[in-house]
Amino acid sequence: MQPIASKSECKIRQATEGDCKIILRFITLLAEYEKLAHEVVANEEKLAATLFGNNSNAEVIIAEYQGKPVGFALFFTNYSTFLAQPGIYLEDLFVETSMRGKGFGKALLTYLARIAVTRHCGRLEWSVLDWNQPAIDFYRSLGAVPMDGWTVNRLTGEALHNVAKQAG
């Protein structure tokens, strides 16, 4: 791994509403990497409303190198009934291809872990695509443990609406 030239050149900061354009760019690049670009319907307006509006649902941190955004992490609070504590769910972590292997992903994750500890969270969790071996190896190198035996389930689109209609 080629480390960051200088830790002072890597800055992790909270995103602001003015970052919606770069957040959308990172989301799009991540979706392309994951071969899911056809699923992206996000736009800057929706991001502004859901990330920075009155009822914001998630937060974003941005990694910058020499003043230029090179990666991001989007996360939100969840809750563990078993621990009776809040947790943090990392929805997206992305570092530009040319900047990978330089410590930016680790910088984002360690910053997020610090947020979790400061907020008295019991967990920091995320999902990774089973074919993404570089990411799996990276996460394991940090001590992350895969949750074998668990399957992610999802209701979306028409299926979500159909189930909601059953509530009466």
N, C-alpha and C. Protein backbone atom coordinates (compact mmCIF):
# COMPACT_ATOMS: atom_id res chain seq x y z
N MET A 1 0.85 -1.18 0.00
CA MET A 1 0.00 0.00 0.00
C MET A 1 0.89 1.23 0.00
N GLN A 2 0.63 2.13 -0.89
CA GLN A 2 1.31 3.42 -0.97
C GLN A 2 0.60 4.38 -0.02
N PRO A 3 1.21 4.73 1.12
CA PRO A 3 0.51 5.56 2.09
C PRO A 3 0.28 6.98 1.59
N ILE A 4 -0.64 7.66 2.27
CA ILE A 4 -0.89 9.07 2.00
C ILE A 4 0.43 9.81 2.19
N ALA A 5 0.73 10.75 1.31
CA ALA A 5 1.99 11.48 1.38
C ALA A 5 2.18 12.10 2.75
N SER A 6 1.15 12.67 3.31
CA SER A 6 1.23 13.31 4.61
C SER A 6 -0.16 13.31 5.22
N LYS A 7 -0.24 12.93 6.50
CA LYS A 7 -1.55 12.91 7.15
C LYS A 7 -2.19 14.29 7.13
N SER A 8 -1.37 15.33 7.13
CA SER A 8 -1.92 16.69 7.10
C SER A 8 -2.57 16.98 5.75
N GLU A 9 -2.22 16.21 4.73
CA GLU A 9 -2.83 16.41 3.41
C GLU A 9 -4.15 15.66 3.27
N CYS A 10 -4.45 14.77 4.23
CA CYS A 10 -5.73 14.05 4.24
C CYS A 10 -6.60 14.65 5.31
N LYS A 11 -7.76 15.12 4.91
CA LYS A 11 -8.70 15.72 5.84
C LYS A 11 -10.03 15.00 5.71
N ILE A 12 -10.61 14.62 6.85
CA ILE A 12 -11.95 14.05 6.87
C ILE A 12 -12.85 15.12 7.48
N ARG A 13 -13.96 15.41 6.80
CA ARG A 13 -14.87 16.44 7.29
C ARG A 13 -16.31 16.03 7.08
N GLN A 14 -17.20 16.62 7.88
CA GLN A 14 -18.64 16.43 7.69
C GLN A 14 -19.04 17.13 6.40
N ALA A 15 -19.89 16.48 5.64
CA ALA A 15 -20.40 17.10 4.42
C ALA A 15 -21.42 18.17 4.77
N THR A 16 -21.58 19.11 3.85
CA THR A 16 -22.60 20.16 3.98
C THR A 16 -23.50 20.07 2.75
N GLU A 17 -24.57 20.83 2.79
CA GLU A 17 -25.51 20.83 1.67
C GLU A 17 -24.82 21.22 0.36
N GLY A 18 -23.81 22.04 0.44
CA GLY A 18 -23.06 22.43 -0.76
C GLY A 18 -22.28 21.30 -1.39
N ASP A 19 -22.21 20.16 -0.71
CA ASP A 19 -21.48 18.99 -1.23
C ASP A 19 -22.37 18.01 -2.00
N CYS A 20 -23.63 18.32 -2.18
CA CYS A 20 -24.54 17.37 -2.83
C CYS A 20 -24.05 16.93 -4.21
N LYS A 21 -23.46 17.83 -4.96
CA LYS A 21 -22.96 17.48 -6.29
C LYS A 21 -21.86 16.42 -6.19
N ILE A 22 -20.92 16.59 -5.28
CA ILE A 22 -19.83 15.62 -5.14
C ILE A 22 -20.35 14.32 -4.54
N ILE A 23 -21.31 14.40 -3.61
CA ILE A 23 -21.89 13.18 -3.03
C ILE A 23 -22.56 12.37 -4.13
N LEU A 24 -23.33 13.03 -4.98
CA LEU A 24 -23.99 12.34 -6.09
C LEU A 24 -22.94 11.73 -7.03
N ARG A 25 -21.87 12.44 -7.28
CA ARG A 25 -20.80 11.90 -8.13
C ARG A 25 -20.22 10.63 -7.52
N PHE A 26 -19.94 10.64 -6.22
CA PHE A 26 -19.40 9.46 -5.56
C PHE A 26 -20.40 8.30 -5.58
N ILE A 27 -21.67 8.60 -5.36
CA ILE A 27 -22.71 7.56 -5.41
C ILE A 27 -22.74 6.92 -6.80
N THR A 28 -22.67 7.75 -7.82
CA THR A 28 -22.70 7.26 -9.20
C THR A 28 -21.47 6.41 -9.51
N LEU A 29 -20.30 6.87 -9.08
CA LEU A 29 -19.07 6.09 -9.30
C LEU A 29 -19.12 4.76 -8.55
N LEU A 30 -19.64 4.77 -7.33
CA LEU A 30 -19.79 3.52 -6.57
C LEU A 30 -20.74 2.57 -7.29
N ALA A 31 -21.86 3.09 -7.75
CA ALA A 31 -22.84 2.26 -8.46
C ALA A 31 -22.23 1.66 -9.72
N GLU A 32 -21.43 2.43 -10.44
CA GLU A 32 -20.75 1.90 -11.63
C GLU A 32 -19.80 0.78 -11.24
N TYR A 33 -19.02 0.97 -10.18
CA TYR A 33 -18.09 -0.05 -9.71
C TYR A 33 -18.83 -1.33 -9.32
N GLU A 34 -19.99 -1.18 -8.69
CA GLU A 34 -20.77 -2.33 -8.25
C GLU A 34 -21.68 -2.88 -9.34
N LYS A 35 -21.57 -2.33 -10.55
CA LYS A 35 -22.39 -2.76 -11.69
C LYS A 35 -23.88 -2.56 -11.41
N LEU A 36 -24.20 -1.45 -10.73
CA LEU A 36 -25.58 -1.14 -10.37
C LEU A 36 -25.99 0.27 -10.78
N ALA A 37 -25.28 0.85 -11.74
CA ALA A 37 -25.57 2.23 -12.15
C ALA A 37 -27.02 2.41 -12.59
N HIS A 38 -27.62 1.37 -13.16
CA HIS A 38 -29.00 1.46 -13.62
C HIS A 38 -30.00 1.66 -12.47
N GLU A 39 -29.57 1.44 -11.22
CA GLU A 39 -30.46 1.60 -10.08
C GLU A 39 -30.42 3.00 -9.46
N VAL A 40 -29.49 3.83 -9.87
CA VAL A 40 -29.36 5.16 -9.26
C VAL A 40 -30.44 6.10 -9.80
N VAL A 41 -31.30 6.56 -8.91
CA VAL A 41 -32.30 7.57 -9.25
C VAL A 41 -32.11 8.82 -8.40
N ALA A 42 -31.09 8.82 -7.56
CA ALA A 42 -30.78 9.97 -6.71
C ALA A 42 -30.46 11.18 -7.56
N ASN A 43 -30.76 12.35 -7.02
CA ASN A 43 -30.36 13.61 -7.66
C ASN A 43 -29.97 14.58 -6.54
N GLU A 44 -29.40 15.70 -6.90
CA GLU A 44 -28.91 16.65 -5.90
C GLU A 44 -30.03 17.16 -5.00
N GLU A 45 -31.20 17.39 -5.56
CA GLU A 45 -32.32 17.91 -4.78
C GLU A 45 -32.77 16.90 -3.73
N LYS A 46 -32.89 15.63 -4.12
CA LYS A 46 -33.29 14.59 -3.15
C LYS A 46 -32.23 14.43 -2.07
N LEU A 47 -30.97 14.50 -2.46
CA LEU A 47 -29.90 14.39 -1.47
C LEU A 47 -29.95 15.55 -0.48
N ALA A 48 -30.16 16.75 -0.99
CA ALA A 48 -30.24 17.93 -0.11
C ALA A 48 -31.38 17.76 0.90
N ALA A 49 -32.52 17.29 0.43
CA ALA A 49 -33.68 17.14 1.31
C ALA A 49 -33.48 16.04 2.34
N THR A 50 -32.93 14.91 1.93
CA THR A 50 -32.84 13.76 2.85
C THR A 50 -31.58 13.77 3.71
N LEU A 51 -30.54 14.46 3.27
CA LEU A 51 -29.31 14.52 4.07
C LEU A 51 -29.20 15.79 4.90
N PHE A 52 -29.81 16.88 4.43
CA PHE A 52 -29.61 18.16 5.10
C PHE A 52 -30.90 18.89 5.43
N GLY A 53 -32.04 18.30 5.10
CA GLY A 53 -33.33 18.92 5.40
C GLY A 53 -33.72 18.75 6.86
N ASN A 54 -34.93 19.21 7.19
CA ASN A 54 -35.41 19.15 8.58
C ASN A 54 -35.46 17.74 9.14
N ASN A 55 -35.79 16.78 8.32
CA ASN A 55 -35.87 15.39 8.76
C ASN A 55 -34.78 14.56 8.11
N SER A 56 -33.55 15.02 8.24
CA SER A 56 -32.45 14.30 7.57
C SER A 56 -32.36 12.87 8.10
N ASN A 57 -32.00 11.97 7.21
CA ASN A 57 -32.00 10.55 7.52
C ASN A 57 -30.62 9.94 7.59
N ALA A 58 -29.61 10.65 7.17
CA ALA A 58 -28.26 10.09 7.11
C ALA A 58 -27.26 11.22 7.18
N GLU A 59 -26.00 10.83 7.32
CA GLU A 59 -24.91 11.79 7.36
C GLU A 59 -23.83 11.35 6.39
N VAL A 60 -22.99 12.28 6.02
CA VAL A 60 -21.89 12.00 5.10
C VAL A 60 -20.62 12.63 5.63
N ILE A 61 -19.53 11.87 5.52
CA ILE A 61 -18.21 12.44 5.74
C ILE A 61 -17.44 12.33 4.43
N ILE A 62 -16.57 13.28 4.21
CA ILE A 62 -15.81 13.35 2.95
C ILE A 62 -14.33 13.35 3.26
N ALA A 63 -13.58 12.55 2.51
CA ALA A 63 -12.12 12.55 2.59
C ALA A 63 -11.60 13.48 1.50
N GLU A 64 -10.69 14.36 1.90
CA GLU A 64 -10.06 15.26 0.95
C GLU A 64 -8.56 15.06 0.97
N TYR A 65 -7.96 15.16 -0.19
CA TYR A 65 -6.51 15.09 -0.32
C TYR A 65 -6.07 16.34 -1.05
N GLN A 66 -5.22 17.10 -0.41
CA GLN A 66 -4.75 18.37 -0.96
C GLN A 66 -5.93 19.26 -1.37
N GLY A 67 -6.98 19.24 -0.54
CA GLY A 67 -8.14 20.09 -0.75
C GLY A 67 -9.16 19.57 -1.75
N LYS A 68 -8.93 18.39 -2.33
CA LYS A 68 -9.85 17.83 -3.34
C LYS A 68 -10.55 16.60 -2.78
N PRO A 69 -11.89 16.52 -2.90
CA PRO A 69 -12.61 15.34 -2.43
C PRO A 69 -12.16 14.08 -3.18
N VAL A 70 -11.82 13.03 -2.41
CA VAL A 70 -11.37 11.77 -3.02
C VAL A 70 -12.18 10.57 -2.57
N GLY A 71 -13.07 10.76 -1.59
CA GLY A 71 -13.87 9.64 -1.12
C GLY A 71 -14.92 10.12 -0.14
N PHE A 72 -15.84 9.20 0.16
CA PHE A 72 -16.90 9.56 1.10
C PHE A 72 -17.41 8.32 1.83
N ALA A 73 -18.10 8.57 2.92
CA ALA A 73 -18.83 7.53 3.64
C ALA A 73 -20.19 8.12 4.00
N LEU A 74 -21.24 7.37 3.71
CA LEU A 74 -22.60 7.77 4.03
C LEU A 74 -23.12 6.78 5.07
N PHE A 75 -23.66 7.28 6.18
CA PHE A 75 -24.05 6.41 7.28
C PHE A 75 -25.28 6.94 7.99
N PHE A 76 -25.89 6.08 8.79
CA PHE A 76 -27.04 6.49 9.58
C PHE A 76 -27.09 5.67 10.87
N THR A 77 -27.88 6.15 11.80
CA THR A 77 -28.03 5.47 13.09
C THR A 77 -29.05 4.35 12.96
N ASN A 78 -28.72 3.21 13.56
CA ASN A 78 -29.68 2.12 13.70
C ASN A 78 -29.74 1.76 15.18
N TYR A 79 -30.35 0.67 15.52
CA TYR A 79 -30.50 0.31 16.92
C TYR A 79 -30.41 -1.20 17.09
N SER A 80 -29.68 -1.62 18.11
CA SER A 80 -29.58 -3.04 18.44
C SER A 80 -30.42 -3.32 19.68
N THR A 81 -31.45 -4.11 19.52
CA THR A 81 -32.26 -4.50 20.68
C THR A 81 -31.45 -5.41 21.60
N PHE A 82 -30.59 -6.25 21.04
CA PHE A 82 -29.79 -7.16 21.87
C PHE A 82 -28.82 -6.39 22.76
N LEU A 83 -28.26 -5.30 22.25
CA LEU A 83 -27.33 -4.49 23.03
C LEU A 83 -28.04 -3.38 23.79
N ALA A 84 -29.26 -3.06 23.37
CA ALA A 84 -29.99 -1.90 23.90
C ALA A 84 -29.15 -0.64 23.74
N GLN A 85 -28.58 -0.52 22.53
CA GLN A 85 -27.73 0.62 22.20
C GLN A 85 -27.93 0.99 20.74
N PRO A 86 -27.69 2.27 20.44
CA PRO A 86 -27.68 2.65 19.02
C PRO A 86 -26.44 2.08 18.35
N GLY A 87 -26.47 2.06 17.06
CA GLY A 87 -25.32 1.66 16.25
C GLY A 87 -25.24 2.56 15.05
N ILE A 88 -24.21 2.35 14.27
CA ILE A 88 -24.07 3.07 13.01
C ILE A 88 -24.03 2.06 11.90
N TYR A 89 -24.84 2.31 10.86
CA TYR A 89 -24.82 1.49 9.66
C TYR A 89 -24.15 2.30 8.56
N LEU A 90 -23.09 1.75 8.03
CA LEU A 90 -22.36 2.37 6.93
C LEU A 90 -23.01 1.91 5.63
N GLU A 91 -23.71 2.80 4.98
CA GLU A 91 -24.41 2.46 3.74
C GLU A 91 -23.44 2.42 2.56
N ASP A 92 -22.59 3.43 2.46
CA ASP A 92 -21.66 3.51 1.33
C ASP A 92 -20.30 3.99 1.81
N LEU A 93 -19.28 3.36 1.27
CA LEU A 93 -17.90 3.81 1.44
C LEU A 93 -17.27 3.73 0.07
N PHE A 94 -16.71 4.85 -0.38
CA PHE A 94 -16.13 4.87 -1.72
C PHE A 94 -14.91 5.78 -1.74
N VAL A 95 -13.86 5.29 -2.37
CA VAL A 95 -12.66 6.07 -2.62
C VAL A 95 -12.37 5.99 -4.11
N GLU A 96 -12.06 7.13 -4.71
CA GLU A 96 -11.77 7.15 -6.15
C GLU A 96 -10.69 6.12 -6.49
N THR A 97 -10.85 5.50 -7.63
CA THR A 97 -9.96 4.42 -8.06
C THR A 97 -8.49 4.80 -7.97
N SER A 98 -8.14 5.97 -8.44
CA SER A 98 -6.74 6.40 -8.46
C SER A 98 -6.18 6.65 -7.07
N MET A 99 -7.05 6.74 -6.06
CA MET A 99 -6.61 7.04 -4.70
C MET A 99 -6.70 5.84 -3.77
N ARG A 100 -7.10 4.70 -4.29
CA ARG A 100 -7.22 3.49 -3.46
C ARG A 100 -5.84 2.98 -3.07
N GLY A 101 -5.79 2.33 -1.92
CA GLY A 101 -4.55 1.76 -1.43
C GLY A 101 -3.63 2.78 -0.78
N LYS A 102 -4.12 3.98 -0.56
CA LYS A 102 -3.29 5.05 0.02
C LYS A 102 -3.71 5.40 1.45
N GLY A 103 -4.70 4.70 1.96
CA GLY A 103 -5.12 4.93 3.34
C GLY A 103 -6.38 5.75 3.53
N PHE A 104 -7.02 6.18 2.44
CA PHE A 104 -8.22 7.01 2.57
C PHE A 104 -9.42 6.21 3.08
N GLY A 105 -9.58 4.99 2.61
CA GLY A 105 -10.67 4.14 3.12
C GLY A 105 -10.51 3.89 4.60
N LYS A 106 -9.29 3.59 5.02
CA LYS A 106 -9.03 3.39 6.45
C LYS A 106 -9.27 4.67 7.23
N ALA A 107 -8.88 5.80 6.68
CA ALA A 107 -9.10 7.08 7.36
C ALA A 107 -10.60 7.33 7.55
N LEU A 108 -11.40 7.04 6.53
CA LEU A 108 -12.84 7.22 6.64
C LEU A 108 -13.43 6.28 7.69
N LEU A 109 -13.01 5.02 7.67
CA LEU A 109 -13.55 4.05 8.63
C LEU A 109 -13.11 4.35 10.06
N THR A 110 -11.88 4.76 10.25
CA THR A 110 -11.44 5.07 11.62
C THR A 110 -12.16 6.32 12.14
N TYR A 111 -12.40 7.29 11.29
CA TYR A 111 -13.15 8.48 11.67
C TYR A 111 -14.58 8.08 12.07
N LEU A 112 -15.18 7.20 11.27
CA LEU A 112 -16.54 6.74 11.55
C LEU A 112 -16.58 5.92 12.84
N ALA A 113 -15.57 5.10 13.08
CA ALA A 113 -15.49 4.35 14.33
C ALA A 113 -15.41 5.30 15.52
N ARG A 114 -14.66 6.37 15.38
CA ARG A 114 -14.55 7.37 16.45
C ARG A 114 -15.92 8.01 16.70
N ILE A 115 -16.67 8.31 15.63
CA ILE A 115 -18.02 8.85 15.80
C ILE A 115 -18.88 7.85 16.58
N ALA A 116 -18.80 6.58 16.20
CA ALA A 116 -19.59 5.53 16.87
C ALA A 116 -19.25 5.46 18.36
N VAL A 117 -17.98 5.49 18.69
CA VAL A 117 -17.57 5.41 20.10
C VAL A 117 -18.02 6.66 20.85
N THR A 118 -17.85 7.83 20.24
CA THR A 118 -18.26 9.09 20.88
C THR A 118 -19.76 9.12 21.14
N ARG A 119 -20.53 8.52 20.24
CA ARG A 119 -21.99 8.51 20.39
C ARG A 119 -22.48 7.32 21.20
N HIS A 120 -21.58 6.58 21.81
CA HIS A 120 -21.90 5.41 22.64
C HIS A 120 -22.65 4.33 21.87
N CYS A 121 -22.24 4.13 20.64
CA CYS A 121 -22.82 3.08 19.81
C CYS A 121 -22.19 1.73 20.15
N GLY A 122 -22.98 0.69 20.03
CA GLY A 122 -22.47 -0.65 20.30
C GLY A 122 -21.90 -1.34 19.08
N ARG A 123 -22.19 -0.79 17.89
CA ARG A 123 -21.77 -1.45 16.66
C ARG A 123 -21.53 -0.45 15.54
N LEU A 124 -20.69 -0.87 14.62
CA LEU A 124 -20.54 -0.24 13.32
C LEU A 124 -20.67 -1.38 12.33
N GLU A 125 -21.68 -1.33 11.49
CA GLU A 125 -21.97 -2.43 10.57
C GLU A 125 -22.09 -1.94 9.14
N TRP A 126 -21.90 -2.87 8.20
CA TRP A 126 -22.09 -2.58 6.79
C TRP A 126 -22.20 -3.89 6.04
N SER A 127 -22.60 -3.79 4.80
CA SER A 127 -22.66 -4.95 3.91
C SER A 127 -21.61 -4.78 2.82
N VAL A 128 -21.18 -5.90 2.29
CA VAL A 128 -20.23 -5.88 1.17
C VAL A 128 -20.66 -6.95 0.18
N LEU A 129 -20.57 -6.62 -1.10
CA LEU A 129 -20.92 -7.59 -2.12
C LEU A 129 -19.96 -8.78 -2.05
N ASP A 130 -20.51 -9.97 -2.17
CA ASP A 130 -19.68 -11.17 -1.98
C ASP A 130 -18.60 -11.35 -3.03
N TRP A 131 -18.68 -10.66 -4.15
CA TRP A 131 -17.64 -10.77 -5.18
C TRP A 131 -16.53 -9.72 -5.00
N ASN A 132 -16.72 -8.79 -4.07
CA ASN A 132 -15.78 -7.69 -3.92
C ASN A 132 -14.64 -8.07 -2.95
N GLN A 133 -13.79 -8.97 -3.41
CA GLN A 133 -12.73 -9.51 -2.57
C GLN A 133 -11.75 -8.45 -2.05
N PRO A 134 -11.38 -7.44 -2.86
CA PRO A 134 -10.50 -6.41 -2.29
C PRO A 134 -11.12 -5.71 -1.07
N ALA A 135 -12.41 -5.42 -1.13
CA ALA A 135 -13.08 -4.78 0.00
C ALA A 135 -13.16 -5.75 1.19
N ILE A 136 -13.50 -6.99 0.92
CA ILE A 136 -13.58 -7.99 1.98
C ILE A 136 -12.24 -8.13 2.69
N ASP A 137 -11.18 -8.22 1.91
CA ASP A 137 -9.83 -8.33 2.50
C ASP A 137 -9.49 -7.09 3.33
N PHE A 138 -9.82 -5.92 2.81
CA PHE A 138 -9.57 -4.67 3.53
C PHE A 138 -10.31 -4.66 4.86
N TYR A 139 -11.60 -4.99 4.85
CA TYR A 139 -12.40 -4.96 6.07
C TYR A 139 -11.87 -5.98 7.10
N ARG A 140 -11.51 -7.16 6.63
CA ARG A 140 -10.96 -8.16 7.55
C ARG A 140 -9.63 -7.71 8.15
N SER A 141 -8.84 -6.97 7.36
CA SER A 141 -7.55 -6.49 7.89
C SER A 141 -7.75 -5.52 9.04
N LEU A 142 -8.93 -4.91 9.12
CA LEU A 142 -9.25 -3.99 10.21
C LEU A 142 -9.85 -4.70 11.41
N GLY A 143 -10.14 -5.99 11.26
CA GLY A 143 -10.76 -6.75 12.34
C GLY A 143 -12.25 -6.95 12.19
N ALA A 144 -12.82 -6.53 11.07
CA ALA A 144 -14.25 -6.73 10.84
C ALA A 144 -14.53 -8.22 10.68
N VAL A 145 -15.68 -8.64 11.17
CA VAL A 145 -16.08 -10.04 11.13
C VAL A 145 -17.30 -10.18 10.24
N PRO A 146 -17.23 -11.03 9.20
CA PRO A 146 -18.41 -11.25 8.37
C PRO A 146 -19.50 -11.97 9.17
N MET A 147 -20.73 -11.59 8.93
CA MET A 147 -21.86 -12.15 9.66
C MET A 147 -22.46 -13.32 8.87
N ASP A 148 -21.75 -14.43 8.87
CA ASP A 148 -22.24 -15.62 8.18
C ASP A 148 -23.57 -16.06 8.80
N GLY A 149 -24.42 -16.58 7.96
CA GLY A 149 -25.71 -17.06 8.42
C GLY A 149 -26.81 -16.00 8.36
N TRP A 150 -26.48 -14.79 7.97
CA TRP A 150 -27.46 -13.73 7.84
C TRP A 150 -27.66 -13.42 6.36
N THR A 151 -28.88 -13.20 5.96
CA THR A 151 -29.19 -12.82 4.59
C THR A 151 -29.94 -11.50 4.61
N VAL A 152 -29.46 -10.56 3.82
CA VAL A 152 -30.13 -9.27 3.72
C VAL A 152 -31.41 -9.45 2.91
N ASN A 153 -32.49 -8.87 3.39
CA ASN A 153 -33.76 -8.89 2.68
C ASN A 153 -34.15 -7.46 2.37
N ARG A 154 -34.92 -7.28 1.31
CA ARG A 154 -35.28 -5.93 0.90
C ARG A 154 -36.66 -5.93 0.25
N LEU A 155 -37.45 -4.94 0.62
CA LEU A 155 -38.68 -4.61 -0.09
C LEU A 155 -38.45 -3.25 -0.73
N THR A 156 -38.74 -3.13 -2.00
CA THR A 156 -38.57 -1.87 -2.69
C THR A 156 -39.60 -1.76 -3.81
N GLY A 157 -39.81 -0.55 -4.29
CA GLY A 157 -40.69 -0.34 -5.43
C GLY A 157 -42.09 -0.87 -5.22
N GLU A 158 -42.59 -1.56 -6.22
CA GLU A 158 -43.96 -2.06 -6.19
C GLU A 158 -44.20 -3.05 -5.05
N ALA A 159 -43.22 -3.90 -4.77
CA ALA A 159 -43.38 -4.86 -3.67
C ALA A 159 -43.56 -4.14 -2.34
N LEU A 160 -42.80 -3.08 -2.11
CA LEU A 160 -42.93 -2.30 -0.88
C LEU A 160 -44.33 -1.70 -0.79
N HIS A 161 -44.80 -1.12 -1.88
CA HIS A 161 -46.13 -0.50 -1.89
C HIS A 161 -47.23 -1.54 -1.69
N ASN A 162 -47.07 -2.70 -2.27
CA ASN A 162 -48.06 -3.76 -2.11
C ASN A 162 -48.16 -4.23 -0.66
N VAL A 163 -47.04 -4.38 0.00
CA VAL A 163 -47.05 -4.78 1.40
C VAL A 163 -47.64 -3.67 2.26
N ALA A 164 -47.32 -2.42 1.96
CA ALA A 164 -47.85 -1.30 2.73
C ALA A 164 -49.37 -1.23 2.63
N LYS A 165 -49.91 -1.54 1.47
CA LYS A 165 -51.36 -1.52 1.27
C LYS A 165 -52.07 -2.52 2.19
N GLN A 166 -51.39 -3.58 2.56
CA GLN A 166 -51.98 -4.60 3.40
C GLN A 166 -52.19 -4.13 4.83
N ALA A 167 -51.58 -2.99 5.18
CA ALA A 167 -51.73 -2.47 6.54
C ALA A 167 -53.12 -1.88 6.77
N GLY A 168 -53.86 -1.67 5.69
CA GLY A 168 -55.23 -1.19 5.82
C GLY A 168 -55.37 0.25 5.80
